[in-house]
Amino acid sequence: MASLVHSDKEVLHNFHHLEKLGISSDIDDFGTGYSSLAYVKRFPLNHLKIDRSFINGLPDDTDNRILTETIALMGKKLGMTIIAEGVETQAQASFLKRLNVDFAQGYYYAKPMHRRDFETYLSGSPQQQVGS
C-alpha cells in the first residue's frame, strides 16, 4: 500500500484493469500504517482485513470493540468482504460473527503447521468461517 501514497492516474487505471481481469484487491491491516479511508474510496477494493491490533482484547476492550464495529460496518456498506486477523478466542469469534464479519484467521482456528499437517486438517474439517 505504500506505493499508493503517491498514486496517480496510471495506478488507478491499473487497479481498474486488474478488476476487469477478475483479480480482486485487498486492503490489509486496515486502520494501521499506510491504510487510509482515501484508498477505500478511490480504489476498487474487494476485501478489507481488520488488523489484529483491533481484534486483541475483544469483546471487552471498549475502544477496540467500537473501532472493529465501525470498520466492519463501513466495509460492508461499501460491498467489501470483511476479514479479521488475529482471532484467538471463542469470545472474539462470536463477537465478529455478530458483526457479520465474513472470514477470520488466527490461533483460535489453527496454529501454523507443516504442509502435510495442513492437508490432513483440511481433509478432516470444512473451511473455517467466523464462529464455525
N, C-alpha and C. Protein backbone atom coordinates (compact mmCIF):
# COMPACT_ATOMS: atom_id res chain seq x y z
N MET A 1 0.81 -1.19 0.00
CA MET A 1 0.00 0.00 0.00
C MET A 1 0.85 1.26 0.00
N ALA A 2 2.09 1.15 0.40
CA ALA A 2 2.94 2.34 0.45
C ALA A 2 3.01 3.00 -0.92
N SER A 3 2.99 2.21 -2.00
CA SER A 3 3.06 2.80 -3.32
C SER A 3 1.82 3.62 -3.66
N LEU A 4 0.73 3.37 -2.97
CA LEU A 4 -0.49 4.12 -3.23
C LEU A 4 -0.45 5.51 -2.64
N VAL A 5 0.47 5.74 -1.72
CA VAL A 5 0.58 7.05 -1.10
C VAL A 5 0.81 8.10 -2.17
N HIS A 6 1.57 7.75 -3.19
CA HIS A 6 1.88 8.68 -4.27
C HIS A 6 1.18 8.24 -5.55
N SER A 7 -0.06 7.80 -5.42
CA SER A 7 -0.77 7.23 -6.56
C SER A 7 -1.10 8.31 -7.59
N ASP A 8 -1.24 7.85 -8.80
CA ASP A 8 -1.62 8.74 -9.88
C ASP A 8 -2.65 8.03 -10.75
N LYS A 9 -2.97 8.65 -11.87
CA LYS A 9 -3.98 8.08 -12.75
C LYS A 9 -3.59 6.71 -13.29
N GLU A 10 -2.31 6.50 -13.52
CA GLU A 10 -1.85 5.21 -14.05
C GLU A 10 -2.10 4.08 -13.04
N VAL A 11 -1.82 4.34 -11.77
CA VAL A 11 -2.06 3.33 -10.73
C VAL A 11 -3.54 3.02 -10.64
N LEU A 12 -4.38 4.05 -10.65
CA LEU A 12 -5.82 3.85 -10.60
C LEU A 12 -6.29 3.06 -11.83
N HIS A 13 -5.76 3.40 -13.00
CA HIS A 13 -6.09 2.67 -14.22
C HIS A 13 -5.72 1.19 -14.08
N ASN A 14 -4.53 0.93 -13.53
CA ASN A 14 -4.08 -0.46 -13.36
C ASN A 14 -4.99 -1.23 -12.41
N PHE A 15 -5.44 -0.59 -11.34
CA PHE A 15 -6.38 -1.24 -10.42
C PHE A 15 -7.67 -1.62 -11.15
N HIS A 16 -8.19 -0.71 -11.95
CA HIS A 16 -9.43 -0.99 -12.69
C HIS A 16 -9.20 -2.09 -13.74
N HIS A 17 -8.03 -2.10 -14.35
CA HIS A 17 -7.71 -3.14 -15.32
C HIS A 17 -7.66 -4.51 -14.63
N LEU A 18 -7.01 -4.58 -13.47
CA LEU A 18 -6.96 -5.84 -12.71
C LEU A 18 -8.37 -6.30 -12.34
N GLU A 19 -9.20 -5.35 -11.94
CA GLU A 19 -10.58 -5.69 -11.58
C GLU A 19 -11.31 -6.30 -12.78
N LYS A 20 -11.12 -5.73 -13.96
CA LYS A 20 -11.77 -6.26 -15.17
C LYS A 20 -11.28 -7.67 -15.51
N LEU A 21 -10.05 -7.97 -15.12
CA LEU A 21 -9.49 -9.31 -15.34
C LEU A 21 -9.98 -10.32 -14.30
N GLY A 22 -10.76 -9.84 -13.32
CA GLY A 22 -11.27 -10.73 -12.29
C GLY A 22 -10.33 -10.88 -11.10
N ILE A 23 -9.33 -10.02 -11.01
CA ILE A 23 -8.39 -10.08 -9.89
C ILE A 23 -8.86 -9.13 -8.80
N SER A 24 -9.05 -9.65 -7.63
CA SER A 24 -9.54 -8.82 -6.54
C SER A 24 -8.38 -8.15 -5.81
N SER A 25 -8.68 -7.03 -5.18
CA SER A 25 -7.68 -6.28 -4.44
C SER A 25 -8.13 -6.15 -3.00
N ASP A 26 -7.17 -6.23 -2.10
CA ASP A 26 -7.46 -6.17 -0.68
C ASP A 26 -6.74 -5.01 -0.04
N ILE A 27 -7.27 -4.57 1.09
CA ILE A 27 -6.53 -3.65 1.93
C ILE A 27 -6.25 -4.40 3.23
N ASP A 28 -4.97 -4.64 3.48
CA ASP A 28 -4.54 -5.44 4.62
C ASP A 28 -4.23 -4.52 5.80
N ASP A 29 -4.39 -5.04 7.00
CA ASP A 29 -4.06 -4.30 8.22
C ASP A 29 -4.77 -2.95 8.27
N PHE A 30 -6.05 -2.94 7.91
CA PHE A 30 -6.77 -1.68 7.84
C PHE A 30 -6.75 -0.96 9.18
N GLY A 31 -6.53 0.32 9.12
CA GLY A 31 -6.51 1.16 10.31
C GLY A 31 -5.12 1.42 10.84
N THR A 32 -4.11 0.81 10.22
CA THR A 32 -2.74 0.99 10.68
C THR A 32 -1.87 1.39 9.50
N GLY A 33 -0.71 1.90 9.79
CA GLY A 33 0.29 2.19 8.75
C GLY A 33 -0.22 3.09 7.66
N TYR A 34 -0.08 2.63 6.42
CA TYR A 34 -0.43 3.43 5.26
C TYR A 34 -1.90 3.33 4.87
N SER A 35 -2.68 2.47 5.51
CA SER A 35 -4.07 2.33 5.11
C SER A 35 -4.80 3.64 5.39
N SER A 36 -5.74 3.94 4.54
CA SER A 36 -6.41 5.22 4.62
C SER A 36 -7.84 5.10 4.08
N LEU A 37 -8.72 5.92 4.60
CA LEU A 37 -10.07 5.96 4.06
C LEU A 37 -10.06 6.42 2.61
N ALA A 38 -9.09 7.20 2.23
CA ALA A 38 -9.00 7.65 0.84
C ALA A 38 -8.81 6.47 -0.11
N TYR A 39 -8.05 5.45 0.30
CA TYR A 39 -7.87 4.27 -0.54
C TYR A 39 -9.17 3.51 -0.71
N VAL A 40 -9.91 3.41 0.37
CA VAL A 40 -11.18 2.68 0.33
C VAL A 40 -12.14 3.37 -0.63
N LYS A 41 -12.09 4.68 -0.66
CA LYS A 41 -12.97 5.45 -1.53
C LYS A 41 -12.51 5.44 -2.99
N ARG A 42 -11.21 5.54 -3.19
CA ARG A 42 -10.68 5.77 -4.53
C ARG A 42 -10.42 4.51 -5.34
N PHE A 43 -9.98 3.45 -4.69
CA PHE A 43 -9.56 2.26 -5.42
C PHE A 43 -10.63 1.17 -5.35
N PRO A 44 -10.73 0.34 -6.41
CA PRO A 44 -11.72 -0.73 -6.44
C PRO A 44 -11.25 -1.92 -5.59
N LEU A 45 -11.46 -1.83 -4.30
CA LEU A 45 -11.02 -2.87 -3.37
C LEU A 45 -12.18 -3.81 -3.07
N ASN A 46 -11.85 -5.10 -2.93
CA ASN A 46 -12.87 -6.11 -2.71
C ASN A 46 -12.93 -6.62 -1.27
N HIS A 47 -11.79 -6.62 -0.60
CA HIS A 47 -11.70 -7.17 0.74
C HIS A 47 -11.05 -6.17 1.67
N LEU A 48 -11.53 -6.14 2.88
CA LEU A 48 -10.94 -5.29 3.90
C LEU A 48 -10.57 -6.17 5.08
N LYS A 49 -9.30 -6.17 5.44
CA LYS A 49 -8.79 -7.03 6.50
C LYS A 49 -8.53 -6.18 7.74
N ILE A 50 -9.26 -6.48 8.81
CA ILE A 50 -9.13 -5.74 10.06
C ILE A 50 -7.87 -6.20 10.77
N ASP A 51 -7.02 -5.25 11.11
CA ASP A 51 -5.75 -5.56 11.75
C ASP A 51 -5.96 -6.21 13.12
N ARG A 52 -5.07 -7.12 13.45
CA ARG A 52 -5.13 -7.86 14.71
C ARG A 52 -5.10 -6.95 15.93
N SER A 53 -4.51 -5.77 15.80
CA SER A 53 -4.43 -4.86 16.95
C SER A 53 -5.82 -4.42 17.40
N PHE A 54 -6.81 -4.45 16.50
CA PHE A 54 -8.18 -4.11 16.88
C PHE A 54 -8.93 -5.32 17.43
N ILE A 55 -8.52 -6.52 17.02
CA ILE A 55 -9.17 -7.75 17.48
C ILE A 55 -8.71 -8.09 18.90
N ASN A 56 -7.46 -7.75 19.19
CA ASN A 56 -6.90 -8.03 20.52
C ASN A 56 -7.76 -7.36 21.60
N GLY A 57 -8.14 -8.12 22.59
CA GLY A 57 -8.93 -7.58 23.70
C GLY A 57 -10.43 -7.62 23.48
N LEU A 58 -10.86 -8.01 22.28
CA LEU A 58 -12.31 -8.13 22.06
C LEU A 58 -12.84 -9.31 22.84
N PRO A 59 -14.07 -9.25 23.28
CA PRO A 59 -15.02 -8.16 23.12
C PRO A 59 -15.01 -7.16 24.28
N ASP A 60 -14.11 -7.31 25.22
CA ASP A 60 -14.13 -6.49 26.43
C ASP A 60 -13.56 -5.09 26.26
N ASP A 61 -12.56 -4.91 25.40
CA ASP A 61 -11.93 -3.61 25.22
C ASP A 61 -12.87 -2.69 24.45
N THR A 62 -13.38 -1.67 25.13
CA THR A 62 -14.39 -0.78 24.55
C THR A 62 -13.90 -0.10 23.28
N ASP A 63 -12.71 0.46 23.30
CA ASP A 63 -12.20 1.16 22.12
C ASP A 63 -12.05 0.21 20.94
N ASN A 64 -11.48 -0.96 21.16
CA ASN A 64 -11.33 -1.93 20.07
C ASN A 64 -12.67 -2.42 19.56
N ARG A 65 -13.62 -2.57 20.46
CA ARG A 65 -14.96 -3.00 20.06
C ARG A 65 -15.59 -1.95 19.14
N ILE A 66 -15.51 -0.69 19.52
CA ILE A 66 -16.10 0.38 18.71
C ILE A 66 -15.40 0.48 17.36
N LEU A 67 -14.08 0.43 17.36
CA LEU A 67 -13.33 0.54 16.10
C LEU A 67 -13.62 -0.65 15.18
N THR A 68 -13.66 -1.85 15.74
CA THR A 68 -13.94 -3.04 14.93
C THR A 68 -15.35 -2.98 14.35
N GLU A 69 -16.32 -2.60 15.17
CA GLU A 69 -17.70 -2.46 14.67
C GLU A 69 -17.77 -1.45 13.54
N THR A 70 -17.09 -0.34 13.69
CA THR A 70 -17.12 0.73 12.69
C THR A 70 -16.45 0.29 11.39
N ILE A 71 -15.29 -0.33 11.50
CA ILE A 71 -14.57 -0.80 10.31
C ILE A 71 -15.41 -1.84 9.57
N ALA A 72 -15.98 -2.79 10.31
CA ALA A 72 -16.79 -3.84 9.68
C ALA A 72 -18.02 -3.25 9.00
N LEU A 73 -18.71 -2.34 9.66
CA LEU A 73 -19.90 -1.73 9.08
C LEU A 73 -19.56 -0.93 7.83
N MET A 74 -18.49 -0.14 7.90
CA MET A 74 -18.07 0.65 6.75
C MET A 74 -17.74 -0.25 5.56
N GLY A 75 -16.96 -1.29 5.81
CA GLY A 75 -16.61 -2.21 4.73
C GLY A 75 -17.83 -2.87 4.13
N LYS A 76 -18.75 -3.32 4.96
CA LYS A 76 -19.98 -3.96 4.47
C LYS A 76 -20.79 -2.98 3.63
N LYS A 77 -20.92 -1.75 4.11
CA LYS A 77 -21.69 -0.74 3.37
C LYS A 77 -21.05 -0.46 2.00
N LEU A 78 -19.75 -0.63 1.90
CA LEU A 78 -19.04 -0.43 0.63
C LEU A 78 -18.98 -1.71 -0.20
N GLY A 79 -19.65 -2.76 0.25
CA GLY A 79 -19.74 -4.00 -0.51
C GLY A 79 -18.51 -4.88 -0.44
N MET A 80 -17.70 -4.70 0.59
CA MET A 80 -16.47 -5.48 0.72
C MET A 80 -16.68 -6.73 1.56
N THR A 81 -15.83 -7.70 1.31
CA THR A 81 -15.74 -8.87 2.17
C THR A 81 -14.85 -8.47 3.34
N ILE A 82 -15.29 -8.78 4.56
CA ILE A 82 -14.55 -8.38 5.75
C ILE A 82 -13.84 -9.60 6.33
N ILE A 83 -12.55 -9.41 6.61
CA ILE A 83 -11.71 -10.46 7.18
C ILE A 83 -11.07 -9.92 8.44
N ALA A 84 -11.10 -10.71 9.50
CA ALA A 84 -10.46 -10.32 10.76
C ALA A 84 -9.24 -11.21 10.97
N GLU A 85 -8.13 -10.59 11.38
CA GLU A 85 -6.93 -11.37 11.64
C GLU A 85 -6.62 -11.36 13.13
N GLY A 86 -5.97 -12.42 13.58
CA GLY A 86 -5.55 -12.49 14.97
C GLY A 86 -6.62 -12.97 15.93
N VAL A 87 -7.59 -13.75 15.45
CA VAL A 87 -8.64 -14.27 16.32
C VAL A 87 -8.07 -15.41 17.15
N GLU A 88 -8.16 -15.27 18.47
CA GLU A 88 -7.56 -16.27 19.36
C GLU A 88 -8.54 -16.90 20.34
N THR A 89 -9.75 -16.37 20.45
CA THR A 89 -10.70 -16.91 21.44
C THR A 89 -12.09 -17.08 20.83
N GLN A 90 -12.87 -17.94 21.48
CA GLN A 90 -14.27 -18.13 21.09
C GLN A 90 -15.04 -16.82 21.25
N ALA A 91 -14.76 -16.06 22.29
CA ALA A 91 -15.45 -14.78 22.51
C ALA A 91 -15.21 -13.82 21.35
N GLN A 92 -13.98 -13.76 20.86
CA GLN A 92 -13.68 -12.91 19.71
C GLN A 92 -14.43 -13.39 18.47
N ALA A 93 -14.39 -14.70 18.22
CA ALA A 93 -15.07 -15.27 17.06
C ALA A 93 -16.58 -15.00 17.11
N SER A 94 -17.17 -15.15 18.27
CA SER A 94 -18.61 -14.91 18.42
C SER A 94 -18.95 -13.44 18.19
N PHE A 95 -18.13 -12.56 18.74
CA PHE A 95 -18.34 -11.13 18.56
C PHE A 95 -18.28 -10.77 17.07
N LEU A 96 -17.27 -11.28 16.37
CA LEU A 96 -17.12 -10.99 14.95
C LEU A 96 -18.27 -11.58 14.12
N LYS A 97 -18.75 -12.72 14.52
CA LYS A 97 -19.90 -13.33 13.83
C LYS A 97 -21.12 -12.43 13.96
N ARG A 98 -21.33 -11.85 15.14
CA ARG A 98 -22.46 -10.93 15.34
C ARG A 98 -22.34 -9.68 14.46
N LEU A 99 -21.11 -9.32 14.12
CA LEU A 99 -20.88 -8.17 13.24
C LEU A 99 -20.99 -8.53 11.76
N ASN A 100 -21.25 -9.79 11.47
CA ASN A 100 -21.31 -10.30 10.09
C ASN A 100 -19.96 -10.21 9.37
N VAL A 101 -18.88 -10.37 10.13
CA VAL A 101 -17.56 -10.47 9.52
C VAL A 101 -17.53 -11.78 8.74
N ASP A 102 -17.03 -11.72 7.52
CA ASP A 102 -17.12 -12.87 6.63
C ASP A 102 -16.14 -13.99 6.95
N PHE A 103 -14.89 -13.63 7.23
CA PHE A 103 -13.86 -14.63 7.49
C PHE A 103 -12.95 -14.16 8.61
N ALA A 104 -12.32 -15.13 9.25
CA ALA A 104 -11.37 -14.81 10.31
C ALA A 104 -10.20 -15.77 10.22
N GLN A 105 -9.08 -15.31 10.72
CA GLN A 105 -7.91 -16.17 10.79
C GLN A 105 -7.24 -15.94 12.13
N GLY A 106 -6.59 -16.95 12.62
CA GLY A 106 -5.89 -16.82 13.88
C GLY A 106 -5.76 -18.15 14.59
N TYR A 107 -5.09 -18.11 15.73
CA TYR A 107 -4.81 -19.31 16.51
C TYR A 107 -6.08 -20.01 17.00
N TYR A 108 -7.17 -19.30 17.10
CA TYR A 108 -8.42 -19.95 17.52
C TYR A 108 -8.77 -21.08 16.55
N TYR A 109 -8.49 -20.87 15.28
CA TYR A 109 -8.83 -21.85 14.26
C TYR A 109 -7.72 -22.87 14.06
N ALA A 110 -6.49 -22.40 14.04
CA ALA A 110 -5.35 -23.30 13.87
C ALA A 110 -4.06 -22.52 14.04
N LYS A 111 -3.07 -23.21 14.56
CA LYS A 111 -1.73 -22.62 14.67
C LYS A 111 -0.96 -22.98 13.41
N PRO A 112 0.14 -22.29 13.14
CA PRO A 112 0.94 -22.63 11.97
C PRO A 112 1.31 -24.12 11.98
N MET A 113 1.29 -24.73 10.79
CA MET A 113 1.58 -26.16 10.72
C MET A 113 2.28 -26.49 9.40
N HIS A 114 2.90 -27.64 9.38
CA HIS A 114 3.54 -28.14 8.18
C HIS A 114 2.49 -28.42 7.11
N ARG A 115 2.93 -28.44 5.87
CA ARG A 115 2.02 -28.65 4.75
C ARG A 115 1.20 -29.93 4.89
N ARG A 116 1.85 -31.03 5.20
CA ARG A 116 1.11 -32.31 5.28
C ARG A 116 0.10 -32.28 6.43
N ASP A 117 0.45 -31.62 7.53
CA ASP A 117 -0.50 -31.48 8.63
C ASP A 117 -1.68 -30.61 8.20
N PHE A 118 -1.39 -29.58 7.41
CA PHE A 118 -2.44 -28.70 6.92
C PHE A 118 -3.38 -29.45 5.98
N GLU A 119 -2.82 -30.29 5.12
CA GLU A 119 -3.65 -31.08 4.21
C GLU A 119 -4.56 -32.02 5.00
N THR A 120 -4.02 -32.64 6.04
CA THR A 120 -4.83 -33.51 6.90
C THR A 120 -5.92 -32.70 7.59
N TYR A 121 -5.54 -31.53 8.09
CA TYR A 121 -6.50 -30.63 8.76
C TYR A 121 -7.64 -30.27 7.81
N LEU A 122 -7.30 -29.91 6.57
CA LEU A 122 -8.33 -29.53 5.60
C LEU A 122 -9.23 -30.70 5.23
N SER A 123 -8.68 -31.87 5.10
CA SER A 123 -9.49 -33.02 4.70
C SER A 123 -10.43 -33.48 5.81
N GLY A 124 -10.12 -33.10 7.04
CA GLY A 124 -10.95 -33.53 8.17
C GLY A 124 -12.01 -32.55 8.59
N SER A 125 -11.96 -31.30 8.10
CA SER A 125 -12.96 -30.32 8.50
C SER A 125 -13.19 -29.32 7.39
N PRO A 126 -14.42 -28.81 7.30
CA PRO A 126 -14.70 -27.82 6.27
C PRO A 126 -13.94 -26.53 6.56
N GLN A 127 -13.81 -25.68 5.53
CA GLN A 127 -13.12 -24.40 5.69
C GLN A 127 -13.74 -23.63 6.85
N GLN A 128 -12.90 -23.12 7.71
CA GLN A 128 -13.37 -22.39 8.88
C GLN A 128 -13.82 -21.00 8.50
N GLN A 129 -15.04 -20.68 8.91
CA GLN A 129 -15.53 -19.32 8.80
C GLN A 129 -15.70 -18.79 10.21
N VAL A 130 -16.02 -17.54 10.34
CA VAL A 130 -16.15 -16.91 11.64
C VAL A 130 -17.18 -17.67 12.48
N GLY A 131 -16.77 -18.04 13.67
CA GLY A 131 -17.68 -18.67 14.63
C GLY A 131 -18.04 -20.10 14.32
N SER A 132 -17.43 -20.71 13.30
CA SER A 132 -17.76 -22.10 12.96
C SER A 132 -17.14 -23.06 13.95
